[in-house]
N, C-alpha and C. Protein backbone atom coordinates (compact mmCIF):
# COMPACT_ATOMS: atom_id res chain seq x y z
N UNK A 1 -225.99 64.18 87.58
CA UNK A 1 -224.74 64.91 87.40
C UNK A 1 -224.81 66.21 88.19
N UNK A 2 -223.79 66.46 88.97
CA UNK A 2 -223.79 67.67 89.79
C UNK A 2 -223.42 68.89 88.98
N UNK A 3 -223.91 70.03 89.43
CA UNK A 3 -223.61 71.29 88.76
C UNK A 3 -222.20 71.73 89.16
N UNK A 4 -221.42 72.07 88.16
CA UNK A 4 -220.04 72.48 88.40
C UNK A 4 -219.97 73.96 88.73
N UNK A 5 -219.05 74.29 89.62
CA UNK A 5 -218.81 75.69 89.97
C UNK A 5 -218.02 76.36 88.85
N UNK A 6 -218.17 77.67 88.73
CA UNK A 6 -217.45 78.45 87.72
C UNK A 6 -216.03 78.71 88.21
N UNK A 7 -215.06 78.46 87.34
CA UNK A 7 -213.66 78.75 87.68
C UNK A 7 -213.47 80.26 87.64
N UNK A 8 -212.94 80.83 88.71
CA UNK A 8 -212.76 82.30 88.73
C UNK A 8 -211.65 82.75 87.78
N UNK A 9 -211.68 84.03 87.44
CA UNK A 9 -210.58 84.63 86.68
C UNK A 9 -209.49 84.99 87.67
N UNK A 10 -208.28 84.61 87.35
CA UNK A 10 -207.16 84.85 88.25
C UNK A 10 -206.34 86.04 87.76
N UNK A 11 -205.84 86.81 88.71
CA UNK A 11 -205.03 87.99 88.37
C UNK A 11 -203.57 87.61 88.14
N UNK A 12 -203.17 86.46 88.66
CA UNK A 12 -201.78 86.03 88.51
C UNK A 12 -201.70 84.52 88.63
N UNK A 13 -200.58 83.98 88.21
CA UNK A 13 -200.35 82.54 88.34
C UNK A 13 -200.29 82.15 89.82
N UNK A 14 -199.69 83.02 90.63
CA UNK A 14 -199.62 82.77 92.07
C UNK A 14 -201.00 82.66 92.70
N UNK A 15 -201.90 83.54 92.29
CA UNK A 15 -203.28 83.50 92.81
C UNK A 15 -203.95 82.19 92.41
N UNK A 16 -203.71 81.75 91.18
CA UNK A 16 -204.29 80.49 90.72
C UNK A 16 -203.72 79.30 91.49
N UNK A 17 -202.44 79.32 91.76
CA UNK A 17 -201.80 78.24 92.53
C UNK A 17 -202.43 78.13 93.92
N UNK A 18 -202.59 79.27 94.58
CA UNK A 18 -203.19 79.28 95.92
C UNK A 18 -204.62 78.74 95.85
N UNK A 19 -205.36 79.16 94.82
CA UNK A 19 -206.74 78.70 94.67
C UNK A 19 -206.81 77.18 94.57
N UNK A 20 -206.03 76.60 93.64
CA UNK A 20 -206.11 75.16 93.42
C UNK A 20 -205.51 74.36 94.59
N UNK A 21 -204.62 74.98 95.35
CA UNK A 21 -204.11 74.32 96.56
C UNK A 21 -205.21 74.17 97.62
N UNK A 22 -206.22 75.02 97.54
CA UNK A 22 -207.26 75.05 98.57
C UNK A 22 -208.64 74.62 98.08
N UNK A 23 -208.76 74.20 96.83
CA UNK A 23 -210.05 73.80 96.29
C UNK A 23 -209.93 72.47 95.56
N UNK A 24 -211.03 71.72 95.55
CA UNK A 24 -211.09 70.43 94.88
C UNK A 24 -211.49 70.66 93.42
N UNK A 25 -210.61 70.27 92.48
CA UNK A 25 -210.88 70.52 91.06
C UNK A 25 -212.13 69.81 90.56
N UNK A 26 -212.54 68.72 91.21
CA UNK A 26 -213.73 68.00 90.75
C UNK A 26 -215.01 68.79 90.97
N UNK A 27 -214.94 69.86 91.76
CA UNK A 27 -216.10 70.73 91.92
C UNK A 27 -216.19 71.74 90.78
N UNK A 28 -215.14 71.83 89.96
CA UNK A 28 -215.06 72.83 88.90
C UNK A 28 -214.91 72.21 87.50
N UNK A 29 -214.41 70.98 87.44
CA UNK A 29 -214.10 70.35 86.15
C UNK A 29 -214.66 68.94 86.14
N UNK A 30 -215.31 68.57 85.03
CA UNK A 30 -215.78 67.20 84.84
C UNK A 30 -214.66 66.41 84.18
N UNK A 31 -213.86 65.74 85.00
CA UNK A 31 -212.69 65.04 84.49
C UNK A 31 -213.04 63.85 83.61
N UNK A 32 -214.28 63.38 83.67
CA UNK A 32 -214.67 62.25 82.81
C UNK A 32 -214.71 62.66 81.35
N UNK A 33 -214.77 63.96 81.09
CA UNK A 33 -214.79 64.46 79.71
C UNK A 33 -213.41 64.91 79.24
N UNK A 34 -212.41 64.73 80.08
CA UNK A 34 -211.05 65.14 79.72
C UNK A 34 -210.53 64.28 78.58
N UNK A 35 -209.72 64.87 77.73
CA UNK A 35 -209.11 64.15 76.62
C UNK A 35 -207.61 64.03 76.85
N UNK A 36 -207.08 62.94 76.36
CA UNK A 36 -205.64 62.72 76.46
C UNK A 36 -204.93 63.73 75.57
N UNK A 37 -203.94 64.42 76.11
CA UNK A 37 -203.20 65.43 75.35
C UNK A 37 -201.81 64.91 75.01
N UNK A 38 -201.35 65.25 73.83
CA UNK A 38 -200.01 64.90 73.39
C UNK A 38 -199.28 66.21 73.09
N UNK A 39 -198.09 66.34 73.63
CA UNK A 39 -197.27 67.53 73.42
C UNK A 39 -196.02 67.10 72.67
N UNK A 40 -196.10 67.00 71.33
CA UNK A 40 -194.99 66.43 70.56
C UNK A 40 -193.73 67.28 70.54
N UNK A 41 -193.81 68.55 70.85
CA UNK A 41 -192.63 69.40 70.76
C UNK A 41 -191.87 69.53 72.08
N UNK A 42 -192.34 68.84 73.13
CA UNK A 42 -191.63 68.88 74.40
C UNK A 42 -190.41 67.96 74.32
N UNK A 43 -189.31 68.46 74.79
CA UNK A 43 -188.09 67.65 74.80
C UNK A 43 -187.84 67.20 76.24
N UNK A 44 -187.53 65.91 76.42
CA UNK A 44 -187.23 65.46 77.77
C UNK A 44 -185.96 66.13 78.28
N UNK A 45 -185.92 66.38 79.56
CA UNK A 45 -184.72 67.00 80.11
C UNK A 45 -183.56 66.01 80.02
N UNK A 46 -182.40 66.55 79.84
CA UNK A 46 -181.22 65.70 79.71
C UNK A 46 -180.21 66.09 80.77
N UNK A 47 -179.29 65.19 81.00
CA UNK A 47 -178.24 65.43 81.99
C UNK A 47 -176.91 65.01 81.37
N UNK A 48 -175.93 65.85 81.51
CA UNK A 48 -174.60 65.51 80.99
C UNK A 48 -173.90 64.56 81.94
N UNK A 49 -173.22 63.59 81.35
CA UNK A 49 -172.42 62.66 82.15
C UNK A 49 -171.07 62.49 81.46
N UNK A 50 -170.13 61.98 82.20
CA UNK A 50 -168.84 61.61 81.62
C UNK A 50 -168.75 60.10 81.63
N UNK A 51 -168.25 59.55 80.56
CA UNK A 51 -168.10 58.10 80.48
C UNK A 51 -166.76 57.80 79.79
N UNK A 52 -166.04 56.87 80.34
CA UNK A 52 -164.75 56.49 79.75
C UNK A 52 -164.98 55.27 78.87
N UNK A 53 -164.55 55.40 77.62
CA UNK A 53 -164.63 54.30 76.67
C UNK A 53 -163.24 54.02 76.13
N UNK A 54 -163.03 52.79 75.74
CA UNK A 54 -161.74 52.50 75.10
C UNK A 54 -161.68 53.25 73.78
N UNK A 55 -160.48 53.59 73.38
CA UNK A 55 -160.30 54.31 72.11
C UNK A 55 -160.87 53.51 70.95
N UNK A 56 -160.70 52.20 71.01
CA UNK A 56 -161.18 51.37 69.90
C UNK A 56 -162.71 51.34 69.84
N UNK A 57 -163.37 51.27 71.00
CA UNK A 57 -164.84 51.29 71.00
C UNK A 57 -165.35 52.63 70.48
N UNK A 58 -164.75 53.71 70.93
CA UNK A 58 -165.16 55.03 70.47
C UNK A 58 -164.94 55.17 68.96
N UNK A 59 -163.83 54.66 68.46
CA UNK A 59 -163.56 54.73 67.03
C UNK A 59 -164.60 53.94 66.24
N UNK A 60 -164.98 52.74 66.75
CA UNK A 60 -166.00 51.93 66.08
C UNK A 60 -167.35 52.63 66.11
N UNK A 61 -167.69 53.25 67.25
CA UNK A 61 -168.95 54.01 67.34
C UNK A 61 -168.98 55.16 66.34
N UNK A 62 -167.89 55.88 66.26
CA UNK A 62 -167.80 57.01 65.33
C UNK A 62 -167.90 56.52 63.88
N UNK A 63 -167.30 55.38 63.61
CA UNK A 63 -167.37 54.81 62.25
C UNK A 63 -168.82 54.46 61.90
N UNK A 64 -169.51 53.79 62.82
CA UNK A 64 -170.92 53.45 62.60
C UNK A 64 -171.77 54.71 62.43
N UNK A 65 -171.54 55.68 63.29
CA UNK A 65 -172.31 56.92 63.22
C UNK A 65 -172.09 57.62 61.89
N UNK A 66 -170.85 57.59 61.42
CA UNK A 66 -170.52 58.21 60.14
C UNK A 66 -171.26 57.51 59.00
N UNK A 67 -171.31 56.18 59.06
CA UNK A 67 -172.04 55.41 58.04
C UNK A 67 -173.53 55.74 58.05
N UNK A 68 -174.07 56.01 59.24
CA UNK A 68 -175.49 56.31 59.37
C UNK A 68 -175.78 57.81 59.25
N UNK A 69 -174.71 58.59 59.13
CA UNK A 69 -174.80 60.05 59.00
C UNK A 69 -175.54 60.69 60.19
N UNK A 70 -175.15 60.25 61.39
CA UNK A 70 -175.69 60.82 62.63
C UNK A 70 -174.53 61.11 63.57
N UNK A 71 -174.71 62.04 64.50
CA UNK A 71 -173.66 62.28 65.50
C UNK A 71 -173.46 61.02 66.37
N UNK A 72 -172.22 60.74 66.71
CA UNK A 72 -171.95 59.51 67.46
C UNK A 72 -172.61 59.51 68.84
N UNK A 73 -172.74 60.71 69.46
CA UNK A 73 -173.41 60.76 70.77
C UNK A 73 -174.89 60.36 70.64
N UNK A 74 -175.51 60.79 69.55
CA UNK A 74 -176.92 60.42 69.32
C UNK A 74 -177.06 58.92 69.11
N UNK A 75 -176.14 58.36 68.35
CA UNK A 75 -176.16 56.91 68.13
C UNK A 75 -175.97 56.17 69.44
N UNK A 76 -175.07 56.64 70.28
CA UNK A 76 -174.85 56.01 71.59
C UNK A 76 -176.13 56.04 72.42
N UNK A 77 -176.85 57.17 72.40
CA UNK A 77 -178.10 57.28 73.17
C UNK A 77 -179.14 56.28 72.67
N UNK A 78 -179.22 56.13 71.35
CA UNK A 78 -180.17 55.17 70.77
C UNK A 78 -179.81 53.75 71.22
N UNK A 79 -178.55 53.40 71.09
CA UNK A 79 -178.11 52.05 71.48
C UNK A 79 -178.35 51.79 72.97
N UNK A 80 -178.02 52.76 73.80
CA UNK A 80 -178.23 52.60 75.24
C UNK A 80 -179.71 52.44 75.56
N UNK A 81 -180.53 53.27 74.94
CA UNK A 81 -181.97 53.21 75.19
C UNK A 81 -182.55 51.86 74.78
N UNK A 82 -182.16 51.38 73.61
CA UNK A 82 -182.64 50.08 73.14
C UNK A 82 -182.23 48.96 74.09
N UNK A 83 -181.00 48.99 74.54
CA UNK A 83 -180.50 47.94 75.43
C UNK A 83 -181.19 47.99 76.79
N UNK A 84 -181.37 49.19 77.33
CA UNK A 84 -182.04 49.32 78.62
C UNK A 84 -183.49 48.84 78.51
N UNK A 85 -184.18 49.24 77.45
CA UNK A 85 -185.56 48.78 77.25
C UNK A 85 -185.63 47.26 77.18
N UNK A 86 -184.71 46.66 76.45
CA UNK A 86 -184.68 45.20 76.30
C UNK A 86 -184.43 44.53 77.65
N UNK A 87 -183.47 45.03 78.40
CA UNK A 87 -183.15 44.44 79.71
C UNK A 87 -184.32 44.59 80.68
N UNK A 88 -184.98 45.74 80.67
CA UNK A 88 -186.13 45.93 81.56
C UNK A 88 -187.28 45.02 81.18
N UNK A 89 -187.45 44.81 79.88
CA UNK A 89 -188.51 43.90 79.43
C UNK A 89 -188.21 42.47 79.89
N UNK A 90 -186.95 42.08 79.77
CA UNK A 90 -186.56 40.74 80.22
C UNK A 90 -186.74 40.58 81.72
N UNK A 91 -186.34 41.59 82.48
CA UNK A 91 -186.44 41.48 83.94
C UNK A 91 -187.89 41.49 84.43
N UNK A 92 -188.79 42.09 83.65
CA UNK A 92 -190.19 42.11 84.08
C UNK A 92 -190.87 40.76 83.84
N UNK A 93 -190.25 39.89 83.04
CA UNK A 93 -190.79 38.57 82.77
C UNK A 93 -190.23 37.48 83.69
N UNK A 94 -189.36 37.88 84.59
CA UNK A 94 -188.73 36.90 85.51
C UNK A 94 -189.59 36.67 86.71
């Protein structure tokens, strides 16, 4: 096992960025000992879109959302996500 170099103390984030742009991290960090990290409080970025729905479909969605006591936009996101996941799973088996 090779001896690792000491990571310097940086005066700023910019200084650290320049350092890592010009140095190989494997000379400073033993990545084989790295642990998988989970950041449960991070929220994925979202993007607003406009979508036209028939009045009847929107009314049915709102009715379902009301029964489930959730905002209808949230319910729509769940339904869309489930359908996309299902379609991608099907297409990967073709």
